[in-house]
C-alpha atoms as a PDB file:
ATOM      1  CA  UNK A   1     128.073  60.833 135.306  1.00  0.00           C
ATOM      2  CA  UNK A   2     127.582  62.696 132.018  1.00  0.00           C
ATOM      3  CA  UNK A   3     128.612  61.327 128.660  1.00  0.00           C
ATOM      4  CA  UNK A   4     129.042  63.486 125.591  1.00  0.00           C
ATOM      5  CA  UNK A   5     126.366  62.885 122.977  1.00  0.00           C
ATOM      6  CA  UNK A   6     124.509  65.042 120.537  1.00  0.00           C
ATOM      7  CA  UNK A   7     121.711  63.685 118.368  1.00  0.00           C
ATOM      8  CA  UNK A   8     120.666  67.141 117.083  1.00  0.00           C
ATOM      9  CA  UNK A   9     117.084  66.382 118.128  1.00  0.00           C
ATOM     10  CA  UNK A  10     116.228  69.972 119.084  1.00  0.00           C
ATOM     11  CA  UNK A  11     117.908  71.287 115.949  1.00  0.00           C
ATOM     12  CA  UNK A  12     115.973  68.820 113.784  1.00  0.00           C
ATOM     13  CA  UNK A  13     112.741  69.877 115.475  1.00  0.00           C
ATOM     14  CA  UNK A  14     113.525  73.550 114.813  1.00  0.00           C
ATOM     15  CA  UNK A  15     114.311  72.859 111.162  1.00  0.00           C
ATOM     16  CA  UNK A  16     111.126  70.801 110.790  1.00  0.00           C
ATOM     17  CA  UNK A  17     109.039  73.638 112.236  1.00  0.00           C
ATOM     18  CA  UNK A  18     110.616  76.215 109.941  1.00  0.00           C
ATOM     19  CA  UNK A  19     110.303  74.030 106.854  1.00  0.00           C
ATOM     20  CA  UNK A  20     106.515  73.989 107.278  1.00  0.00           C
ATOM     21  CA  UNK A  21     106.464  77.640 106.204  1.00  0.00           C
ATOM     22  CA  UNK A  22     109.072  77.608 103.403  1.00  0.00           C
ATOM     23  CA  UNK A  23     106.659  77.806 100.478  1.00  0.00           C
ATOM     24  CA  UNK A  24     104.200  80.524 101.404  1.00  0.00           C
ATOM     25  CA  UNK A  25     103.330  82.919  98.581  1.00  0.00           C
ATOM     26  CA  UNK A  26     101.416  86.173  98.306  1.00  0.00           C
ATOM     27  CA  UNK A  27      99.802  87.048  95.021  1.00  0.00           C
ATOM     28  CA  UNK A  28      99.009  90.555  93.898  1.00  0.00           C
ATOM     29  CA  UNK A  29      95.909  91.089  91.780  1.00  0.00           C
ATOM     30  CA  UNK A  30      94.869  93.912  89.479  1.00  0.00           C
ATOM     31  CA  UNK A  31      91.431  95.526  89.465  1.00  0.00           C
ATOM     32  CA  UNK A  32      90.062  92.730  87.252  1.00  0.00           C
ATOM     33  CA  UNK A  33      91.170  90.025  89.673  1.00  0.00           C
ATOM     34  CA  UNK A  34      94.010  88.808  87.438  1.00  0.00           C
ATOM     35  CA  UNK A  35      97.328  87.915  89.059  1.00  0.00           C
ATOM     36  CA  UNK A  36     100.006  90.539  88.388  1.00  0.00           C
ATOM     37  CA  UNK A  37     102.755  89.080  90.578  1.00  0.00           C
ATOM     38  CA  UNK A  38     103.466  86.238  92.960  1.00  0.00           C
ATOM     39  CA  UNK A  39     105.868  86.849  95.844  1.00  0.00           C
ATOM     40  CA  UNK A  40     107.486  84.113  97.910  1.00  0.00           C
ATOM     41  CA  UNK A  41     107.432  85.237 101.542  1.00  0.00           C
ATOM     42  CA  UNK A  42     110.962  85.134 103.021  1.00  0.00           C
ATOM     43  CA  UNK A  43     111.378  83.170 106.253  1.00  0.00           C
ATOM     44  CA  UNK A  44     114.104  83.789 108.814  1.00  0.00           C
ATOM     45  CA  UNK A  45     114.987  82.595 112.296  1.00  0.00           C
ATOM     46  CA  UNK A  46     114.972  85.275 114.961  1.00  0.00           C
ATOM     47  CA  UNK A  47     112.725  87.313 117.226  1.00  0.00           C
ATOM     48  CA  UNK A  48     110.205  89.606 115.595  1.00  0.00           C
ATOM     49  CA  UNK A  49     111.681  92.582 117.496  1.00  0.00           C
ATOM     50  CA  UNK A  50     114.872  92.205 115.425  1.00  0.00           C
ATOM     51  CA  UNK A  51     112.937  92.525 112.178  1.00  0.00           C
ATOM     52  CA  UNK A  52     110.781  95.380 113.482  1.00  0.00           C
ATOM     53  CA  UNK A  53     113.927  97.285 114.412  1.00  0.00           C
ATOM     54  CA  UNK A  54     115.386  96.704 110.940  1.00  0.00           C
ATOM     55  CA  UNK A  55     112.179  98.071 109.424  1.00  0.00           C
ATOM     56  CA  UNK A  56     112.151 101.233 111.527  1.00  0.00           C
ATOM     57  CA  UNK A  57     115.817 102.158 111.223  1.00  0.00           C
ATOM     58  CA  UNK A  58     117.509 103.625 108.200  1.00  0.00           C
ATOM     59  CA  UNK A  59     119.592 101.465 105.934  1.00  0.00           C
ATOM     60  CA  UNK A  60     123.308 101.119 106.635  1.00  0.00           C
ATOM     61  CA  UNK A  61     124.155 100.826 102.956  1.00  0.00           C
ATOM     62  CA  UNK A  62     126.896 103.329 102.141  1.00  0.00           C
ATOM     63  CA  UNK A  63     125.545 104.579  98.801  1.00  0.00           C
ATOM     64  CA  UNK A  64     123.076 106.986 100.465  1.00  0.00           C
ATOM     65  CA  UNK A  65     120.027 104.926  99.432  1.00  0.00           C
ATOM     66  CA  UNK A  66     117.116 104.493 101.792  1.00  0.00           C
ATOM     67  CA  UNK A  67     116.599 100.733 101.507  1.00  0.00           C
ATOM     68  CA  UNK A  68     114.802  98.978 104.298  1.00  0.00           C
ATOM     69  CA  UNK A  69     113.667  95.413 104.709  1.00  0.00           C
ATOM     70  CA  UNK A  70     110.879  94.488 102.336  1.00  0.00           C
ATOM     71  CA  UNK A  71     107.529  93.171 103.437  1.00  0.00           C
ATOM     72  CA  UNK A  72     105.891  90.659 103.631  1.00  0.00           C
ATOM     73  CA  UNK A  73     108.271  88.642 105.788  1.00  0.00           C
ATOM     74  CA  UNK A  74     107.990  85.778 108.283  1.00  0.00           C
ATOM     75  CA  UNK A  75     110.216  84.895 111.202  1.00  0.00           C
ATOM     76  CA  UNK A  76     110.127  82.192 113.821  1.00  0.00           C
ATOM     77  CA  UNK A  77     111.917  81.460 117.072  1.00  0.00           C
ATOM     78  CA  UNK A  78     111.931  78.906 119.860  1.00  0.00           C
ATOM     79  CA  UNK A  79     110.460  80.631 122.895  1.00  0.00           C
ATOM     80  CA  UNK A  80     110.491  77.895 125.548  1.00  0.00           C
ATOM     81  CA  UNK A  81     111.240  74.294 126.429  1.00  0.00           C
ATOM     82  CA  UNK A  82     109.190  72.847 129.283  1.00  0.00           C
ATOM     83  CA  UNK A  83     109.382  69.403 130.874  1.00  0.00           C
ATOM     84  CA  UNK A  84     106.116  67.427 130.558  1.00  0.00           C
ATOM     85  CA  UNK A  85     105.761  65.001 133.491  1.00  0.00           C
ATOM     86  CA  UNK A  86     102.467  63.563 132.152  1.00  0.00           C
ATOM     87  CA  UNK A  87     104.341  61.776 129.321  1.00  0.00           C
ATOM     88  CA  UNK A  88     107.176  60.477 131.503  1.00  0.00           C
ATOM     89  CA  UNK A  89     108.153  56.819 131.089  1.00  0.00           C
ATOM     90  CA  UNK A  90     110.332  54.632 133.274  1.00  0.00           C
ATOM     91  CA  UNK A  91     113.802  56.151 133.091  1.00  0.00           C
ATOM     92  CA  UNK A  92     115.620  52.812 133.251  1.00  0.00           C
ATOM     93  CA  UNK A  93     113.717  51.291 130.334  1.00  0.00           C
ATOM     94  CA  UNK A  94     116.060  50.674 127.388  1.00  0.00           C
ATOM     95  CA  UNK A  95     115.390  50.228 123.683  1.00  0.00           C
ATOM     96  CA  UNK A  96     117.543  47.872 121.620  1.00  0.00           C
ATOM     97  CA  UNK A  97     117.956  47.935 117.854  1.00  0.00           C
ATOM     98  CA  UNK A  98     120.151  45.393 116.100  1.00  0.00           C
ATOM     99  CA  UNK A  99     121.435  46.114 112.594  1.00  0.00           C
ATOM    100  CA  UNK A 100     121.848  42.927 110.594  1.00  0.00           C
ATOM    101  CA  UNK A 101     124.232  44.300 107.951  1.00  0.00           C
ATOM    102  CA  UNK A 102     127.002  45.163 110.420  1.00  0.00           C
ATOM    103  CA  UNK A 103     125.776  43.092 113.423  1.00  0.00           C
ATOM    104  CA  UNK A 104     125.861  46.090 115.775  1.00  0.00           C
ATOM    105  CA  UNK A 105     123.398  46.627 118.581  1.00  0.00           C
ATOM    106  CA  UNK A 106     122.352  50.168 119.488  1.00  0.00           C
ATOM    107  CA  UNK A 107     120.711  51.034 122.799  1.00  0.00           C
ATOM    108  CA  UNK A 108     119.273  54.103 124.422  1.00  0.00           C
ATOM    109  CA  UNK A 109     117.168  54.953 127.429  1.00  0.00           C
ATOM    110  CA  UNK A 110     113.605  56.248 127.281  1.00  0.00           C
ATOM    111  CA  UNK A 111     113.174  59.747 125.974  1.00  0.00           C
ATOM    112  CA  UNK A 112     112.719  62.667 128.310  1.00  0.00           C
ATOM    113  CA  UNK A 113     109.450  64.414 127.398  1.00  0.00           C
ATOM    114  CA  UNK A 114     109.707  68.131 126.681  1.00  0.00           C
ATOM    115  CA  UNK A 115     107.275  70.519 125.048  1.00  0.00           C
ATOM    116  CA  UNK A 116     108.953  73.096 122.828  1.00  0.00           C
ATOM    117  CA  UNK A 117     107.129  76.323 122.060  1.00  0.00           C
ATOM    118  CA  UNK A 118     107.767  78.205 118.833  1.00  0.00           C
ATOM    119  CA  UNK A 119     106.479  81.571 117.764  1.00  0.00           C
ATOM    120  CA  UNK A 120     105.840  82.402 114.109  1.00  0.00           C
ATOM    121  CA  UNK A 121     105.556  86.074 113.215  1.00  0.00           C
ATOM    122  CA  UNK A 122     104.207  87.361 109.942  1.00  0.00           C
ATOM    123  CA  UNK A 123     104.929  91.007 109.144  1.00  0.00           C
ATOM    124  CA  UNK A 124     103.060  92.657 106.290  1.00  0.00           C
ATOM    125  CA  UNK A 125     102.408  96.149 105.024  1.00  0.00           C
ATOM    126  CA  UNK A 126      98.954  95.376 103.631  1.00  0.00           C
ATOM    127  CA  UNK A 127      96.199  93.552 105.504  1.00  0.00           C
ATOM    128  CA  UNK A 128      95.353  91.627 102.306  1.00  0.00           C
ATOM    129  CA  UNK A 129      98.854  90.055 102.338  1.00  0.00           C
ATOM    130  CA  UNK A 130      98.453  89.028 105.965  1.00  0.00           C
ATOM    131  CA  UNK A 131      95.106  87.400 105.350  1.00  0.00           C
ATOM    132  CA  UNK A 132      96.483  85.571 102.302  1.00  0.00           C
ATOM    133  CA  UNK A 133      99.360  84.156 104.382  1.00  0.00           C
ATOM    134  CA  UNK A 134      97.056  83.243 107.266  1.00  0.00           C
ATOM    135  CA  UNK A 135      94.718  81.343 104.941  1.00  0.00           C
ATOM    136  CA  UNK A 136      97.646  79.287 103.626  1.00  0.00           C
ATOM    137  CA  UNK A 137      98.722  78.249 107.151  1.00  0.00           C
ATOM    138  CA  UNK A 138      95.582  77.744 109.249  1.00  0.00           C
ATOM    139  CA  UNK A 139      93.894  74.894 107.291  1.00  0.00           C
ATOM    140  CA  UNK A 140      96.794  72.529 108.031  1.00  0.00           C
ATOM    141  CA  UNK A 141      96.404  72.786 111.818  1.00  0.00           C
ATOM    142  CA  UNK A 142      93.313  71.007 113.157  1.00  0.00           C
ATOM    143  CA  UNK A 143      94.662  72.009 115.775  1.00  0.00           C
ATOM    144  CA  UNK A 144      97.838  69.967 115.207  1.00  0.00           C
ATOM    145  CA  UNK A 145      99.981  69.028 112.234  1.00  0.00           C
ATOM    146  CA  UNK A 146     102.197  65.952 112.567  1.00  0.00           C
ATOM    147  CA  UNK A 147     105.724  65.800 111.154  1.00  0.00           C
ATOM    148  CA  UNK A 148     108.083  62.799 111.154  1.00  0.00           C
ATOM    149  CA  UNK A 149     111.648  63.368 112.287  1.00  0.00           C
ATOM    150  CA  UNK A 150     114.575  60.949 112.139  1.00  0.00           C
ATOM    151  CA  UNK A 151     116.137  61.631 115.567  1.00  0.00           C
ATOM    152  CA  UNK A 152     118.863  58.957 115.631  1.00  0.00           C
ATOM    153  CA  UNK A 153     119.562  55.371 114.533  1.00  0.00           C
ATOM    154  CA  UNK A 154     117.154  53.957 117.111  1.00  0.00           C
ATOM    155  CA  UNK A 155     114.384  56.542 116.949  1.00  0.00           C
ATOM    156  CA  UNK A 156     113.747  56.757 113.230  1.00  0.00           C
ATOM    157  CA  UNK A 157     110.536  58.334 111.958  1.00  0.00           C
ATOM    158  CA  UNK A 158     109.310  59.777 115.232  1.00  0.00           C
ATOM    159  CA  UNK A 159     105.930  61.457 114.739  1.00  0.00           C
ATOM    160  CA  UNK A 160     105.835  64.853 116.415  1.00  0.00           C
ATOM    161  CA  UNK A 161     102.584  66.813 116.579  1.00  0.00           C
ATOM    162  CA  UNK A 162     102.943  70.568 116.123  1.00  0.00           C
ATOM    163  CA  UNK A 163      99.967  72.163 117.856  1.00  0.00           C
ATOM    164  CA  UNK A 164      98.634  75.610 116.974  1.00  0.00           C
ATOM    165  CA  UNK A 165      97.850  77.282 120.305  1.00  0.00           C
ATOM    166  CA  UNK A 166      96.646  80.708 119.201  1.00  0.00           C
ATOM    167  CA  UNK A 167      96.797  83.449 116.612  1.00  0.00           C
ATOM    168  CA  UNK A 168      96.608  87.194 117.046  1.00  0.00           C
ATOM    169  CA  UNK A 169      96.701  90.212 114.772  1.00  0.00           C
ATOM    170  CA  UNK A 170      98.496  93.411 115.769  1.00  0.00           C
ATOM    171  CA  UNK A 171      98.367  96.645 113.794  1.00  0.00           C
ATOM    172  CA  UNK A 172     101.035  99.174 114.728  1.00  0.00           C
ATOM    173  CA  UNK A 173     100.017 102.767 114.023  1.00  0.00           C
ATOM    174  CA  UNK A 174     102.609 104.576 116.156  1.00  0.00           C
ATOM    175  CA  UNK A 175     103.849 107.858 114.771  1.00  0.00           C
ATOM    176  CA  UNK A 176     102.424 110.308 112.295  1.00  0.00           C
ATOM    177  CA  UNK A 177     100.520 109.515 109.116  1.00  0.00           C
ATOM    178  CA  UNK A 178     103.715 109.462 107.031  1.00  0.00           C
ATOM    179  CA  UNK A 179     105.351 106.682 109.076  1.00  0.00           C
ATOM    180  CA  UNK A 180     105.242 103.032 108.073  1.00  0.00           C
ATOM    181  CA  UNK A 181     102.281 100.950 109.226  1.00  0.00           C
ATOM    182  CA  UNK A 182     103.130  97.422 110.365  1.00  0.00           C
ATOM    183  CA  UNK A 183     100.654  94.554 110.617  1.00  0.00           C
ATOM    184  CA  UNK A 184     101.729  91.406 112.479  1.00  0.00           C
END
């Protein structure tokens, strides 16, 4: 019943989502409003709990230095994949594409509609950095941003809307006044 195939569609979707946030920068200003430094915000794949744990624990570097992860930092992860019956097409409907250069015909059945949910976390030490990052992301989602993905030889340049569902700000003040404050 099952044939082995792998178009890397979910992987390509994950890469496309992450690449939206590759070039986010934070600039630091002096008291006159002049730029003193520009920092590219690192982006990694993984749950935010992993990065929070790395921030709170001591470094494992053997030279007795207390180096922790630097902020600001962004991470993203796929949190769910849900079937969407409202976009379902006839399962037996086939698509045919014929390539003229090698006279091959490619076929596939209709796509199965799924909604993938991603979570993007931004961790900063200073509220100003968080607001700077947020202002670089929000204007592109009205409330969706469409990316084109080449899924396979038949489904080339598939437009996929990435919809911004919500944003929230969390300030973590646990501990005494000497402990690190974390804004997400």
